[in-house]
Amino acid sequence: VQAFLDQVNEMEDISFVVWTGDNPPHDIWDYEREAEMDITRKLVEMFKSTLNVPVYPVLGNHDCFPMDLFK
């Protein structure tokens, strides 16, 4: 992820990033709320500390607990 974020910073003519969610691994047999929150927190910190453009996050269907809760 860090290598990707570094590459984004090197791109010219980029105004913003759309973060499309689905942050945690899709191993639904080993899924815990706190683990999901930790992954998201780490990604937020990486985005904030690395990117020089606005980031617009969108929740994916695996970004809630229990997953696929959206109706």
N, C-alpha and C. Protein backbone atom coordinates (compact mmCIF):
# COMPACT_ATOMS: atom_id res chain seq x y z
N VAL A 1 0.83 -1.19 0.00
CA VAL A 1 0.00 0.00 0.00
C VAL A 1 0.88 1.25 0.00
N GLN A 2 1.93 1.25 0.79
CA GLN A 2 2.79 2.43 0.86
C GLN A 2 3.42 2.74 -0.49
N ALA A 3 3.86 1.70 -1.20
CA ALA A 3 4.45 1.92 -2.53
C ALA A 3 3.43 2.54 -3.48
N PHE A 4 2.19 2.09 -3.41
CA PHE A 4 1.13 2.67 -4.24
C PHE A 4 0.92 4.14 -3.90
N LEU A 5 0.83 4.44 -2.61
CA LEU A 5 0.61 5.83 -2.19
C LEU A 5 1.78 6.72 -2.62
N ASP A 6 2.98 6.22 -2.54
CA ASP A 6 4.15 6.98 -3.00
C ASP A 6 4.06 7.26 -4.49
N GLN A 7 3.61 6.28 -5.26
CA GLN A 7 3.46 6.48 -6.70
C GLN A 7 2.38 7.52 -7.01
N VAL A 8 1.31 7.50 -6.25
CA VAL A 8 0.25 8.49 -6.45
C VAL A 8 0.81 9.89 -6.26
N ASN A 9 1.64 10.08 -5.26
CA ASN A 9 2.24 11.39 -5.02
C ASN A 9 3.14 11.85 -6.16
N GLU A 10 3.69 10.91 -6.90
CA GLU A 10 4.57 11.26 -8.02
C GLU A 10 3.80 11.58 -9.30
N MET A 11 2.51 11.26 -9.32
CA MET A 11 1.71 11.50 -10.52
C MET A 11 1.45 12.99 -10.71
N GLU A 12 1.46 13.40 -11.97
CA GLU A 12 1.14 14.79 -12.29
C GLU A 12 -0.34 14.88 -12.63
N ASP A 13 -0.89 16.06 -12.47
CA ASP A 13 -2.28 16.32 -12.83
C ASP A 13 -3.28 15.44 -12.10
N ILE A 14 -3.03 15.14 -10.85
CA ILE A 14 -3.99 14.39 -10.05
C ILE A 14 -4.55 15.35 -9.01
N SER A 15 -5.87 15.45 -8.95
CA SER A 15 -6.53 16.41 -8.07
C SER A 15 -7.03 15.78 -6.78
N PHE A 16 -7.36 14.50 -6.82
CA PHE A 16 -7.91 13.83 -5.65
C PHE A 16 -7.80 12.32 -5.84
N VAL A 17 -8.07 11.59 -4.74
CA VAL A 17 -8.08 10.13 -4.75
C VAL A 17 -9.44 9.68 -4.24
N VAL A 18 -10.05 8.72 -4.93
CA VAL A 18 -11.26 8.07 -4.45
C VAL A 18 -10.85 6.73 -3.85
N TRP A 19 -11.08 6.60 -2.57
CA TRP A 19 -10.72 5.37 -1.84
C TRP A 19 -11.98 4.50 -1.82
N THR A 20 -11.96 3.40 -2.54
CA THR A 20 -13.17 2.64 -2.80
C THR A 20 -13.51 1.58 -1.76
N GLY A 21 -12.83 1.56 -0.66
CA GLY A 21 -13.21 0.69 0.44
C GLY A 21 -12.86 -0.77 0.25
N ASP A 22 -13.62 -1.63 0.94
CA ASP A 22 -13.33 -3.06 1.05
C ASP A 22 -11.91 -3.26 1.57
N ASN A 23 -11.62 -2.60 2.68
CA ASN A 23 -10.28 -2.61 3.25
C ASN A 23 -9.81 -3.95 3.78
N PRO A 24 -10.63 -4.66 4.56
CA PRO A 24 -10.10 -5.88 5.17
C PRO A 24 -10.01 -7.02 4.16
N PRO A 25 -9.21 -8.02 4.48
CA PRO A 25 -9.20 -9.23 3.65
C PRO A 25 -10.60 -9.84 3.61
N HIS A 26 -10.89 -10.60 2.61
CA HIS A 26 -12.23 -11.17 2.44
C HIS A 26 -12.32 -12.58 3.01
N ASP A 27 -11.55 -12.84 4.05
CA ASP A 27 -11.60 -14.16 4.70
C ASP A 27 -12.69 -14.14 5.78
N ILE A 28 -13.92 -14.29 5.34
CA ILE A 28 -15.07 -14.12 6.24
C ILE A 28 -15.10 -15.11 7.39
N TRP A 29 -14.36 -16.20 7.29
CA TRP A 29 -14.31 -17.18 8.37
C TRP A 29 -13.43 -16.70 9.53
N ASP A 30 -12.66 -15.64 9.31
CA ASP A 30 -11.75 -15.13 10.34
C ASP A 30 -11.91 -13.62 10.43
N TYR A 31 -13.12 -13.18 10.71
CA TYR A 31 -13.47 -11.76 10.63
C TYR A 31 -13.91 -11.27 11.99
N GLU A 32 -13.24 -10.24 12.50
CA GLU A 32 -13.58 -9.67 13.80
C GLU A 32 -13.67 -8.16 13.68
N ARG A 33 -14.57 -7.58 14.41
CA ARG A 33 -14.81 -6.14 14.33
C ARG A 33 -13.54 -5.34 14.61
N GLU A 34 -12.85 -5.66 15.67
CA GLU A 34 -11.67 -4.87 16.05
C GLU A 34 -10.56 -4.98 15.01
N ALA A 35 -10.40 -6.14 14.42
CA ALA A 35 -9.40 -6.31 13.37
C ALA A 35 -9.75 -5.44 12.16
N GLU A 36 -11.03 -5.40 11.81
CA GLU A 36 -11.48 -4.55 10.70
C GLU A 36 -11.20 -3.09 10.99
N MET A 37 -11.47 -2.66 12.22
CA MET A 37 -11.23 -1.27 12.61
C MET A 37 -9.74 -0.95 12.59
N ASP A 38 -8.90 -1.88 13.03
CA ASP A 38 -7.45 -1.66 13.02
C ASP A 38 -6.92 -1.46 11.60
N ILE A 39 -7.40 -2.29 10.68
CA ILE A 39 -6.97 -2.16 9.29
C ILE A 39 -7.34 -0.79 8.74
N THR A 40 -8.58 -0.39 9.00
CA THR A 40 -9.04 0.91 8.49
C THR A 40 -8.26 2.05 9.13
N ARG A 41 -8.01 1.98 10.42
CA ARG A 41 -7.23 3.03 11.09
C ARG A 41 -5.83 3.16 10.49
N LYS A 42 -5.19 2.02 10.26
CA LYS A 42 -3.84 2.04 9.68
C LYS A 42 -3.86 2.65 8.29
N LEU A 43 -4.85 2.30 7.48
CA LEU A 43 -4.94 2.86 6.14
C LEU A 43 -5.20 4.36 6.18
N VAL A 44 -6.08 4.78 7.07
CA VAL A 44 -6.36 6.23 7.21
C VAL A 44 -5.08 6.97 7.54
N GLU A 45 -4.32 6.45 8.46
CA GLU A 45 -3.06 7.12 8.84
C GLU A 45 -2.08 7.15 7.67
N MET A 46 -2.00 6.07 6.92
CA MET A 46 -1.10 6.04 5.76
C MET A 46 -1.54 7.07 4.72
N PHE A 47 -2.82 7.14 4.45
CA PHE A 47 -3.33 8.11 3.48
C PHE A 47 -3.04 9.53 3.95
N LYS A 48 -3.33 9.81 5.22
CA LYS A 48 -3.13 11.16 5.76
C LYS A 48 -1.67 11.58 5.76
N SER A 49 -0.78 10.65 6.08
CA SER A 49 0.63 11.02 6.21
C SER A 49 1.37 11.03 4.88
N THR A 50 0.78 10.44 3.85
CA THR A 50 1.49 10.30 2.58
C THR A 50 0.95 11.18 1.47
N LEU A 51 -0.35 11.18 1.28
CA LEU A 51 -0.93 11.84 0.10
C LEU A 51 -0.99 13.36 0.26
N ASN A 52 -0.76 14.03 -0.85
CA ASN A 52 -0.79 15.50 -0.88
C ASN A 52 -2.03 16.04 -1.57
N VAL A 53 -3.02 15.18 -1.77
CA VAL A 53 -4.28 15.58 -2.41
C VAL A 53 -5.43 15.11 -1.53
N PRO A 54 -6.62 15.69 -1.71
CA PRO A 54 -7.78 15.22 -0.93
C PRO A 54 -8.11 13.76 -1.24
N VAL A 55 -8.60 13.07 -0.22
CA VAL A 55 -9.02 11.67 -0.36
C VAL A 55 -10.51 11.60 -0.03
N TYR A 56 -11.28 10.99 -0.93
CA TYR A 56 -12.72 10.83 -0.74
C TYR A 56 -13.02 9.35 -0.54
N PRO A 57 -13.29 8.96 0.72
CA PRO A 57 -13.53 7.54 1.00
C PRO A 57 -14.97 7.14 0.70
N VAL A 58 -15.12 5.89 0.25
CA VAL A 58 -16.43 5.29 0.01
C VAL A 58 -16.43 3.94 0.72
N LEU A 59 -17.47 3.66 1.48
CA LEU A 59 -17.53 2.39 2.20
C LEU A 59 -17.83 1.25 1.25
N GLY A 60 -17.09 0.17 1.41
CA GLY A 60 -17.37 -1.05 0.66
C GLY A 60 -18.24 -1.97 1.50
N ASN A 61 -18.73 -3.04 0.89
CA ASN A 61 -19.61 -3.95 1.63
C ASN A 61 -18.89 -4.75 2.70
N HIS A 62 -17.56 -4.72 2.73
CA HIS A 62 -16.80 -5.41 3.77
C HIS A 62 -16.29 -4.43 4.84
N ASP A 63 -16.71 -3.18 4.77
CA ASP A 63 -16.25 -2.17 5.71
C ASP A 63 -17.21 -1.92 6.86
N CYS A 64 -18.09 -2.86 7.10
CA CYS A 64 -18.98 -2.78 8.27
C CYS A 64 -18.92 -4.11 8.98
N PHE A 65 -19.48 -4.15 10.16
CA PHE A 65 -19.51 -5.41 10.90
C PHE A 65 -20.89 -5.64 11.43
N PRO A 66 -21.53 -6.76 11.18
CA PRO A 66 -21.03 -7.81 10.30
C PRO A 66 -21.02 -7.36 8.84
N MET A 67 -20.12 -7.96 8.05
CA MET A 67 -19.98 -7.54 6.65
C MET A 67 -21.26 -7.82 5.88
N ASP A 68 -21.40 -7.09 4.78
CA ASP A 68 -22.57 -7.19 3.91
C ASP A 68 -23.85 -6.81 4.64
N LEU A 69 -23.75 -5.93 5.62
CA LEU A 69 -24.90 -5.52 6.40
C LEU A 69 -25.77 -4.52 5.67
N PHE A 70 -25.22 -3.85 4.66
CA PHE A 70 -25.97 -2.81 3.96
C PHE A 70 -27.18 -3.41 3.25
N LYS A 71 -28.29 -2.70 3.35
CA LYS A 71 -29.52 -3.16 2.66
C LYS A 71 -30.11 -2.02 1.89
